[in-house]
Amino acid sequence: MGCIYRRKKMYWIKYYRHGKQYAESTHSDKKAVAEQLLKLREGEIAQGKIPGVAFDKVKFNDVVDDFLADYRVNKKKSLVRAERSVKHLKDVFEGMRVTNISTPLINKYIEKRIGEKAANASVNRELAALKRILNLGARQTPPKVDRVPYIPMLKENNVRKGFFEHGDFLSLQKHLPEFLKPFTLFAYKTGWRFSEITNLKWQQVDLAQRSVRLESGETKNDEGRMVYLDDELQGILSGLWKRRKDREIISPYIFLNETGKDRIKDIRGAWNTACQNAKIGKRLMHDFRRSAIRNMIRSGIPERVAMMVSGHKTRSVFDRYNIVSDTDLKLAAEKQETYLQAQTVTVSGTVTKIKKARGQIVNA
């Protein structure tokens, strides 16, 4: 049984759970408030819950440490992004009791980040981190968080827009250094990520079978995949393999830097210069990923196969990369015109079939 007592002017309550004594201040000089809080705590204990006073002692930093430890233990690739999100969250929540984190306070955090000109997508990644932090705390044994407040998310317009028309790519290739041309061609045709290509080793290539594979754990979604080489890529890799034997330092990597001693790591300087000289405007290496997906779909490759080549796990993410360009819209208009001209139409009660004959429209 619990009891109520006074310390100076404030009332305190005392109660027991599993033989352990808990003492808690009511922060009030009114006995009725103490009686109400004691009933609440005894009700929590009767339901098998941990008394709320245990949650009141948990600070935001305590659950953040568990969150980052989870990323490190599971070797998650997005640890750097998680640490960046935590840094922003601590600007508002550091040192705060977890029980004080509420939806109105989260809304104030959102307003603060928007005032700092943060993109909606960036704010959402931080809010997702906050949700993960609190959910992990609630799943601890014993739990550190008794409730996870509603966390609103911002609307994102994250459809990717940048891509290369084939002519733009050919122009870029002319202005790139020789050591980058095989690398960019492979990226343009496969749609693989920058790190996936720069880390490719010869042990992942089978020139006889014309294939290159990524093992599980080497990709962003940890799933392995394979791509088969067309004639151009087969010729390029075969040439790189022959050239490898003539080097003083034999590297395990396929695509080497300008010195030929190590893999490609940073192409920004050569890339920006080539884009400027090719007069194609500012482009991103990641535009190749979008371009490859678009080219595969336009060439008639089934979407499921294209997803397997590019490594997209979900359809929603894949659709963001499957971009419709002005050229696509013009082709759609031409196809619609061709379709309508081949149809049978009724004009003033007379069935007239419209078709083209030597560039003229005649009635049949």
Protein backbone atom coordinates (compact mmCIF):
# COMPACT_ATOMS: atom_id res chain seq x y z
CA MET A 1 0.00 0.00 0.00
CA GLY A 2 1.18 3.52 -0.72
CA CYS A 3 1.17 6.51 1.51
CA ILE A 4 1.21 10.31 1.38
CA TYR A 5 3.55 12.52 3.36
CA ARG A 6 4.92 16.05 3.32
CA ARG A 7 8.37 17.43 2.75
CA LYS A 8 8.45 21.07 3.68
CA LYS A 9 5.48 22.53 1.75
CA MET A 10 5.11 19.83 -0.95
CA TYR A 11 3.28 16.52 -0.76
CA TRP A 12 5.10 13.33 -1.69
CA ILE A 13 3.80 9.83 -2.34
CA LYS A 14 5.40 6.45 -1.62
CA TYR A 15 4.45 3.11 -3.20
CA TYR A 16 5.92 -0.30 -4.04
CA ARG A 17 6.28 -2.44 -7.15
CA HIS A 18 7.76 -5.96 -6.98
CA GLY A 19 9.14 -5.09 -3.55
CA LYS A 20 10.93 -1.97 -4.82
CA GLN A 21 10.09 1.31 -3.15
CA TYR A 22 9.32 4.41 -5.23
CA ALA A 23 9.11 7.95 -3.82
CA GLU A 24 7.82 10.77 -5.95
CA SER A 25 7.11 14.45 -5.45
CA THR A 26 3.69 15.73 -6.50
CA HIS A 27 5.10 19.26 -6.93
CA SER A 28 1.93 20.45 -5.20
CA ASP A 29 0.93 21.57 -1.70
CA LYS A 30 -2.57 20.17 -2.12
CA LYS A 31 -3.36 16.78 -0.61
CA ALA A 32 -6.05 16.05 -3.24
CA VAL A 33 -3.40 16.24 -5.98
CA ALA A 34 -1.23 13.76 -4.04
CA GLU A 35 -4.18 11.37 -3.57
CA GLN A 36 -4.95 11.50 -7.30
CA LEU A 37 -1.33 10.82 -8.29
CA LEU A 38 -1.06 7.93 -5.82
CA LYS A 39 -4.18 6.32 -7.29
CA LEU A 40 -2.71 6.74 -10.78
CA ARG A 41 0.55 5.04 -9.80
CA GLU A 42 -1.23 2.20 -7.99
CA GLY A 43 -3.44 1.72 -11.06
CA GLU A 44 -0.36 1.48 -13.32
CA ILE A 45 1.18 -1.13 -11.01
CA ALA A 46 -2.06 -3.15 -10.90
CA GLN A 47 -2.02 -3.29 -14.72
CA GLY A 48 1.59 -4.52 -14.74
CA LYS A 49 2.97 -1.24 -16.03
CA ILE A 50 6.14 0.49 -14.90
CA PRO A 51 5.28 3.53 -12.78
CA GLY A 52 5.36 6.78 -14.72
CA VAL A 53 8.05 8.21 -12.48
CA ALA A 54 10.54 5.81 -14.13
CA PHE A 55 9.78 7.34 -17.54
CA ASP A 56 10.04 10.86 -16.18
CA LYS A 57 13.72 10.25 -15.40
CA VAL A 58 14.62 9.31 -18.98
CA LYS A 59 16.30 12.11 -20.95
CA PHE A 60 16.36 12.51 -24.72
CA ASN A 61 20.10 11.85 -24.84
CA ASP A 62 19.57 8.44 -23.22
CA VAL A 63 17.35 7.16 -26.03
CA VAL A 64 19.51 8.84 -28.70
CA ASP A 65 22.49 6.80 -27.54
CA ASP A 66 20.46 3.60 -27.97
CA PHE A 67 19.38 4.74 -31.44
CA LEU A 68 22.94 5.35 -32.69
CA ALA A 69 24.16 2.14 -31.04
CA ASP A 70 21.50 0.24 -33.03
CA TYR A 71 22.88 1.72 -36.26
CA ARG A 72 26.45 0.80 -35.36
CA VAL A 73 25.67 -2.73 -34.18
CA ASN A 74 23.65 -3.51 -37.31
CA LYS A 75 26.25 -1.78 -39.53
CA LYS A 76 23.62 0.33 -41.26
CA LYS A 77 24.95 2.27 -44.24
CA SER A 78 22.97 5.40 -43.33
CA LEU A 79 24.76 5.98 -40.00
CA VAL A 80 26.17 9.31 -41.19
CA ARG A 81 22.71 10.53 -42.14
CA ALA A 82 21.35 9.37 -38.77
CA GLU A 83 24.08 11.29 -36.93
CA ARG A 84 23.27 14.38 -39.00
CA SER A 85 19.57 14.10 -38.08
CA VAL A 86 20.41 13.66 -34.39
CA LYS A 87 22.55 16.81 -34.47
CA HIS A 88 19.55 18.87 -35.63
CA LEU A 89 17.17 17.20 -33.18
CA LYS A 90 19.46 17.95 -30.25
CA ASP A 91 19.19 21.67 -30.99
CA VAL A 92 15.67 21.47 -29.56
CA PHE A 93 15.33 18.27 -27.54
CA GLU A 94 18.76 17.82 -25.91
CA GLY A 95 18.54 17.42 -22.12
CA MET A 96 14.74 17.28 -22.26
CA ARG A 97 12.70 14.61 -20.51
CA VAL A 98 11.23 12.21 -23.04
CA THR A 99 7.80 12.54 -21.42
CA ASN A 100 7.84 16.25 -22.32
CA ILE A 101 8.19 15.59 -26.05
CA SER A 102 4.75 16.28 -27.50
CA THR A 103 3.17 16.94 -30.87
CA PRO A 104 2.97 20.74 -30.31
CA LEU A 105 6.68 20.77 -29.46
CA ILE A 106 7.46 18.73 -32.58
CA ASN A 107 5.49 21.23 -34.65
CA LYS A 108 7.66 24.01 -33.22
CA TYR A 109 10.73 22.02 -34.27
CA ILE A 110 9.32 21.75 -37.82
CA GLU A 111 8.71 25.51 -37.93
CA LYS A 112 12.25 26.14 -36.73
CA ARG A 113 13.78 23.92 -39.45
CA ILE A 114 11.60 25.47 -42.17
CA GLY A 115 12.73 28.90 -40.94
CA GLU A 116 16.30 27.69 -41.45
CA LYS A 117 15.43 26.95 -45.12
CA ALA A 118 15.72 23.18 -44.63
CA ALA A 119 14.09 21.14 -47.42
CA ASN A 120 10.93 19.20 -46.58
CA ALA A 121 12.71 15.96 -47.42
CA SER A 122 15.50 16.77 -44.95
CA VAL A 123 13.04 17.64 -42.19
CA ASN A 124 11.14 14.41 -42.83
CA ARG A 125 14.35 12.36 -42.47
CA GLU A 126 14.91 14.04 -39.11
CA LEU A 127 11.32 13.39 -38.01
CA ALA A 128 11.65 9.76 -39.08
CA ALA A 129 14.79 9.53 -36.94
CA LEU A 130 12.88 10.99 -33.98
CA LYS A 131 10.11 8.44 -34.44
CA ARG A 132 12.66 5.63 -34.60
CA ILE A 133 14.40 6.94 -31.46
CA LEU A 134 11.18 6.92 -29.45
CA ASN A 135 9.98 3.57 -30.82
CA LEU A 136 13.28 1.92 -29.88
CA GLY A 137 12.94 3.37 -26.39
CA ALA A 138 9.42 1.95 -26.09
CA ARG A 139 10.66 -1.53 -27.13
CA GLN A 140 13.43 -1.70 -24.52
CA THR A 141 13.20 -4.14 -21.62
CA PRO A 142 12.31 -2.45 -19.39
CA PRO A 143 10.91 0.28 -21.65
CA LYS A 144 12.32 3.79 -21.46
CA VAL A 145 9.41 5.45 -23.29
CA ASP A 146 5.78 4.95 -22.27
CA ARG A 147 4.20 6.61 -25.30
CA VAL A 148 5.21 7.84 -28.75
CA PRO A 149 3.47 11.11 -29.68
CA TYR A 150 1.97 11.73 -33.10
CA ILE A 151 4.72 13.01 -35.38
CA PRO A 152 3.41 14.87 -38.46
CA MET A 153 5.32 14.65 -41.73
CA LEU A 154 5.72 17.28 -44.42
CA LYS A 155 4.66 16.89 -48.03
CA GLU A 156 7.55 16.10 -50.34
CA ASN A 157 7.92 16.78 -54.03
CA ASN A 158 10.81 14.40 -54.58
CA VAL A 159 10.28 13.35 -58.18
CA ARG A 160 13.71 13.19 -59.79
CA LYS A 161 13.95 15.38 -62.88
CA GLY A 162 17.53 15.29 -64.13
CA PHE A 163 18.48 12.89 -66.90
CA PHE A 164 20.61 12.67 -70.04
CA GLU A 165 19.31 12.58 -73.56
CA HIS A 166 21.57 10.30 -75.58
CA GLY A 167 23.06 13.22 -77.51
CA ASP A 168 23.96 14.96 -74.25
CA PHE A 169 25.74 11.84 -73.05
CA LEU A 170 27.74 11.49 -76.26
CA SER A 171 28.76 15.14 -76.03
CA LEU A 172 29.84 14.69 -72.42
CA GLN A 173 31.93 11.62 -73.31
CA LYS A 174 33.94 13.66 -75.82
CA HIS A 175 35.07 16.07 -73.11
CA LEU A 176 35.78 13.61 -70.29
CA PRO A 177 39.33 12.35 -69.55
CA GLU A 178 40.06 8.95 -71.07
CA PHE A 179 40.14 7.15 -67.71
CA LEU A 180 36.56 8.26 -66.94
CA LYS A 181 34.95 7.24 -70.24
CA PRO A 182 34.60 3.49 -69.47
CA PHE A 183 33.33 4.33 -65.98
CA THR A 184 30.64 6.75 -67.19
CA LEU A 185 29.56 4.43 -70.00
CA PHE A 186 28.98 1.62 -67.52
CA ALA A 187 27.01 3.98 -65.24
CA TYR A 188 24.93 5.30 -68.15
CA LYS A 189 23.93 1.82 -69.34
CA THR A 190 23.40 0.00 -66.03
CA GLY A 191 22.03 2.72 -63.75
CA TRP A 192 24.15 1.42 -60.88
CA ARG A 193 25.09 3.76 -58.04
CA PHE A 194 28.41 5.59 -57.94
CA SER A 195 29.80 3.60 -54.99
CA GLU A 196 28.63 0.30 -56.48
CA ILE A 197 30.66 0.94 -59.64
CA THR A 198 33.76 2.46 -58.02
CA ASN A 199 34.04 -0.57 -55.70
CA LEU A 200 33.70 -3.16 -58.49
CA LYS A 201 36.53 -5.69 -58.57
CA TRP A 202 37.64 -8.05 -61.31
CA GLN A 203 36.55 -11.06 -59.24
CA GLN A 204 32.98 -9.86 -59.80
CA VAL A 205 33.35 -10.00 -63.60
CA ASP A 206 32.92 -13.06 -65.82
CA LEU A 207 34.00 -12.00 -69.29
CA ALA A 208 33.27 -15.45 -70.72
CA GLN A 209 29.66 -15.24 -69.54
CA ARG A 210 29.54 -11.47 -70.24
CA SER A 211 28.28 -10.67 -66.73
CA VAL A 212 29.08 -8.46 -63.73
CA ARG A 213 27.58 -9.19 -60.33
CA LEU A 214 27.14 -7.40 -57.01
CA GLU A 215 27.13 -9.68 -53.97
CA SER A 216 24.70 -9.37 -51.06
CA GLY A 217 25.86 -6.65 -48.69
CA GLU A 218 27.55 -4.63 -51.46
CA THR A 219 24.39 -2.77 -52.47
CA LYS A 220 22.26 -0.15 -50.75
CA ASN A 221 19.44 -2.62 -50.05
CA ASP A 222 21.89 -5.46 -49.24
CA GLU A 223 20.53 -7.60 -52.09
CA GLY A 224 22.88 -8.95 -54.74
CA ARG A 225 22.18 -8.52 -58.44
CA MET A 226 23.71 -9.14 -61.85
CA VAL A 227 23.90 -7.37 -65.19
CA TYR A 228 24.82 -8.87 -68.56
CA LEU A 229 27.13 -6.92 -70.84
CA ASP A 230 26.17 -5.77 -74.31
CA ASP A 231 28.78 -5.75 -77.09
CA GLU A 232 30.03 -2.25 -76.27
CA LEU A 233 30.48 -2.89 -72.53
CA GLN A 234 31.99 -6.32 -73.22
CA GLY A 235 34.58 -4.68 -75.49
CA ILE A 236 35.33 -1.95 -72.96
CA LEU A 237 35.89 -4.37 -70.05
CA SER A 238 37.92 -6.74 -72.21
CA GLY A 239 40.19 -3.83 -73.14
CA LEU A 240 40.58 -2.80 -69.49
CA TRP A 241 41.48 -6.39 -68.57
CA LYS A 242 44.20 -6.56 -71.23
CA ARG A 243 45.55 -3.16 -70.19
CA ARG A 244 45.69 -4.32 -66.57
CA LYS A 245 48.49 -6.78 -67.32
CA ASP A 246 50.77 -3.99 -68.53
CA ARG A 247 50.57 -1.97 -65.32
CA GLU A 248 53.34 -1.94 -62.73
CA ILE A 249 50.80 -1.94 -59.88
CA ILE A 250 48.00 -4.43 -60.41
CA SER A 251 44.82 -3.23 -58.72
CA PRO A 252 41.84 -5.47 -57.93
CA TYR A 253 39.48 -2.68 -59.00
CA ILE A 254 38.03 -2.37 -62.51
CA PHE A 255 37.70 1.38 -62.91
CA LEU A 256 40.93 3.13 -61.92
CA ASN A 257 41.83 6.76 -61.38
CA GLU A 258 44.09 8.80 -63.64
CA THR A 259 47.27 7.34 -62.12
CA GLY A 260 46.03 3.77 -62.59
CA LYS A 261 47.07 2.85 -59.04
CA ASP A 262 43.75 2.94 -57.21
CA ARG A 263 40.01 3.03 -57.79
CA ILE A 264 38.10 6.14 -58.80
CA LYS A 265 37.02 8.08 -55.71
CA ASP A 266 36.12 11.64 -56.69
CA ILE A 267 35.25 12.85 -60.19
CA ARG A 268 33.69 16.23 -59.40
CA GLY A 269 36.45 18.39 -60.88
CA ALA A 270 36.73 16.52 -64.19
CA TRP A 271 32.95 16.06 -64.30
CA ASN A 272 32.07 19.74 -63.88
CA THR A 273 34.68 20.80 -66.43
CA ALA A 274 33.36 18.29 -69.00
CA CYS A 275 29.75 19.42 -68.45
CA GLN A 276 30.80 23.02 -68.99
CA ASN A 277 32.80 22.26 -72.14
CA ALA A 278 30.00 20.10 -73.53
CA LYS A 279 27.56 22.98 -72.91
CA ILE A 280 24.93 20.70 -71.36
CA GLY A 281 24.44 22.67 -68.15
CA LYS A 282 24.95 21.50 -64.61
CA ARG A 283 24.40 17.75 -64.34
CA LEU A 284 24.77 15.13 -61.62
CA MET A 285 26.40 11.74 -61.85
CA HIS A 286 23.17 10.39 -60.37
CA ASP A 287 21.37 11.55 -63.53
CA PHE A 288 22.84 8.46 -65.21
CA ARG A 289 20.76 6.32 -62.88
CA ARG A 290 17.57 8.03 -63.94
CA SER A 291 18.61 7.96 -67.60
CA ALA A 292 19.36 4.23 -67.58
CA ILE A 293 15.95 3.40 -66.14
CA ARG A 294 14.21 5.65 -68.64
CA ASN A 295 16.16 4.16 -71.57
CA MET A 296 15.44 0.58 -70.49
CA ILE A 297 11.71 1.22 -70.24
CA ARG A 298 11.58 3.12 -73.56
CA SER A 299 13.47 0.29 -75.29
CA GLY A 300 10.79 -2.20 -74.26
CA ILE A 301 12.50 -3.90 -71.31
CA PRO A 302 9.84 -5.05 -68.76
CA GLU A 303 9.70 -2.84 -65.68
CA ARG A 304 10.40 -5.75 -63.33
CA VAL A 305 13.58 -6.59 -65.23
CA ALA A 306 14.64 -2.93 -65.26
CA MET A 307 14.17 -2.81 -61.48
CA MET A 308 16.38 -5.88 -61.08
CA VAL A 309 19.12 -4.29 -63.18
CA SER A 310 19.04 -0.91 -61.41
CA GLY A 311 18.53 -2.37 -57.93
CA HIS A 312 15.25 -0.66 -57.04
CA LYS A 313 13.44 -2.65 -54.39
CA THR A 314 10.08 -0.84 -54.34
CA ARG A 315 7.87 0.32 -57.17
CA SER A 316 7.26 3.74 -55.62
CA VAL A 317 10.97 4.61 -55.66
CA PHE A 318 11.37 3.19 -59.16
CA ASP A 319 8.52 5.38 -60.46
CA ARG A 320 10.33 8.50 -59.24
CA TYR A 321 13.18 7.66 -61.61
CA ASN A 322 11.05 6.64 -64.60
CA ILE A 323 10.86 10.18 -65.94
CA VAL A 324 8.70 11.49 -68.77
CA SER A 325 10.54 14.04 -70.92
CA ASP A 326 9.35 16.56 -73.54
CA THR A 327 10.43 14.05 -76.20
CA ASP A 328 8.15 11.42 -74.66
CA LEU A 329 5.23 13.85 -74.71
CA LYS A 330 5.84 14.69 -78.40
CA LEU A 331 5.99 10.99 -79.28
CA ALA A 332 2.73 10.45 -77.41
CA ALA A 333 1.05 13.17 -79.49
CA GLU A 334 2.37 11.65 -82.74
CA LYS A 335 1.24 8.16 -81.77
CA GLN A 336 -2.21 9.45 -80.87
CA GLU A 337 -2.48 11.21 -84.24
CA THR A 338 -1.48 8.03 -86.08
CA TYR A 339 -4.00 6.03 -84.08
CA LEU A 340 -6.87 8.42 -84.76
CA GLN A 341 -6.09 8.55 -88.48
CA ALA A 342 -6.41 4.79 -88.65
CA GLN A 343 -9.84 4.72 -87.02
CA THR A 344 -13.29 4.65 -88.55
CA VAL A 345 -15.24 7.82 -87.79
CA THR A 346 -18.81 8.91 -88.43
CA VAL A 347 -19.31 12.25 -90.09
CA SER A 348 -22.87 13.53 -90.65
CA GLY A 349 -24.27 10.02 -90.49
CA THR A 350 -21.81 8.66 -93.06
CA VAL A 351 -19.17 6.16 -92.05
CA THR A 352 -15.84 7.39 -93.40
CA LYS A 353 -12.55 5.58 -93.02
CA ILE A 354 -9.64 7.96 -92.92
CA LYS A 355 -6.30 6.75 -94.20
CA LYS A 356 -3.18 8.22 -95.75
CA ALA A 357 -2.29 7.67 -99.40
CA ARG A 358 0.96 9.13 -100.65
CA GLY A 359 0.89 11.80 -97.98
CA GLN A 360 -2.77 12.80 -98.66
CA ILE A 361 -5.95 12.02 -96.77
CA VAL A 362 -8.63 10.37 -98.87
CA ASN A 363 -12.07 8.91 -98.22
CA ALA A 364 -12.50 5.18 -98.73
